Amino acid sequence: MKHDPLITGQDELAVERFQDDTRHMIVFDVLDSAAPIGSPGERIRLFLSDKAYAKALAAQERGEIRIKKHAAVIEGHILPDRKRKRRH
């Protein structure tokens, strides 16, 4: 049985989730000690503004983190991304 790492960071009821500029929730693995938050091997959840999400995507491009899960946040409601269906 595969063991998922413990998620640290903000919990699902964090006050950041309900801030006016929060638009994204991500869960990510820290891959490199140069990452802006966390230590290698940690899995972290954060609620982010558009600007902070852009920084997270840049950190992923640099190989510092790997985003495992993303959801849109609208007025505190978490809306998970849906997998796209392939058309035949």
Protein backbone atom coordinates (compact mmCIF):
# COMPACT_ATOMS: atom_id res chain seq x y z
CA MET A 1 0.00 0.00 0.00
CA LYS A 2 1.42 3.38 -1.03
CA HIS A 3 1.81 5.97 1.74
CA ASP A 4 0.95 9.59 0.93
CA PRO A 5 3.00 12.23 2.73
CA LEU A 6 1.34 14.30 5.44
CA ILE A 7 0.00 17.59 4.09
CA THR A 8 1.26 20.62 5.99
CA GLY A 9 0.61 24.31 5.42
CA GLN A 10 -2.89 25.76 5.49
CA ASP A 11 -5.80 23.50 6.40
CA GLU A 12 -8.99 23.48 4.34
CA LEU A 13 -10.69 25.94 6.70
CA ALA A 14 -7.78 28.39 6.79
CA VAL A 15 -8.74 32.05 6.95
CA GLU A 16 -6.75 32.63 3.72
CA ARG A 17 -9.36 30.58 1.85
CA PHE A 18 -11.96 33.30 2.51
CA GLN A 19 -9.86 36.37 1.62
CA ASP A 20 -11.17 38.47 -1.28
CA ASP A 21 -8.12 37.92 -3.51
CA THR A 22 -7.84 34.13 -3.01
CA ARG A 23 -8.42 32.36 -6.34
CA HIS A 24 -6.41 29.12 -6.12
CA MET A 25 -5.73 26.20 -3.79
CA ILE A 26 -2.71 24.05 -4.55
CA VAL A 27 -1.17 21.00 -2.97
CA PHE A 28 2.46 20.57 -3.95
CA ASP A 29 5.56 18.54 -3.18
CA VAL A 30 8.75 20.41 -2.33
CA LEU A 31 11.55 19.03 -4.52
CA ASP A 32 14.45 21.41 -3.86
CA SER A 33 15.79 23.36 -0.90
CA ALA A 34 15.67 26.48 -3.10
CA ALA A 35 11.84 26.36 -3.00
CA PRO A 36 10.29 29.51 -1.53
CA ILE A 37 8.54 27.48 1.20
CA GLY A 38 9.10 24.11 2.83
CA SER A 39 11.81 21.48 2.80
CA PRO A 40 12.38 18.72 0.25
CA GLY A 41 9.98 15.83 0.80
CA GLU A 42 7.18 17.94 2.30
CA ARG A 43 3.69 18.13 0.80
CA ILE A 44 2.08 21.53 1.38
CA ARG A 45 -1.39 23.05 0.83
CA LEU A 46 -1.73 26.80 0.20
CA PHE A 47 -4.52 29.18 -0.75
CA LEU A 48 -3.18 31.77 -3.19
CA SER A 49 -4.00 34.95 -5.10
CA ASP A 50 -3.46 35.04 -8.87
CA LYS A 51 -0.07 36.74 -8.33
CA ALA A 52 1.09 34.14 -5.79
CA TYR A 53 -0.15 31.31 -8.04
CA ALA A 54 1.97 32.70 -10.90
CA LYS A 55 4.98 32.55 -8.56
CA ALA A 56 4.15 28.92 -7.69
CA LEU A 57 3.99 28.05 -11.39
CA ALA A 58 7.40 29.70 -11.87
CA ALA A 59 8.81 27.65 -8.96
CA GLN A 60 7.44 24.53 -10.64
CA GLU A 61 9.12 25.50 -13.94
CA ARG A 62 12.43 25.86 -12.05
CA GLY A 63 11.97 22.36 -10.61
CA GLU A 64 11.65 23.55 -7.00
CA ILE A 65 8.11 22.21 -6.50
CA ARG A 66 5.65 19.88 -8.24
CA ILE A 67 2.00 20.89 -8.06
CA LYS A 68 -0.03 17.74 -7.39
CA LYS A 69 -3.51 19.26 -7.10
CA HIS A 70 -5.13 22.55 -8.07
CA ALA A 71 -8.60 23.91 -7.38
CA ALA A 72 -10.23 27.23 -8.11
CA VAL A 73 -11.48 29.14 -5.06
CA ILE A 74 -14.50 31.40 -5.47
CA GLU A 75 -15.85 33.20 -2.40
CA GLY A 76 -14.34 30.50 -0.18
CA HIS A 77 -15.80 27.62 -2.21
CA ILE A 78 -13.24 25.08 -3.44
CA LEU A 79 -13.94 23.95 -7.02
CA PRO A 80 -11.58 21.09 -7.97
CA ASP A 81 -10.25 20.99 -11.52
CA ARG A 82 -11.93 18.38 -13.68
CA LYS A 83 -10.06 15.99 -15.89
CA ARG A 84 -10.73 16.65 -19.54
CA LYS A 85 -12.51 13.91 -21.44
CA ARG A 86 -10.95 12.83 -24.70
CA ARG A 87 -13.17 13.08 -27.73
CA HIS A 88 -13.01 10.30 -30.26
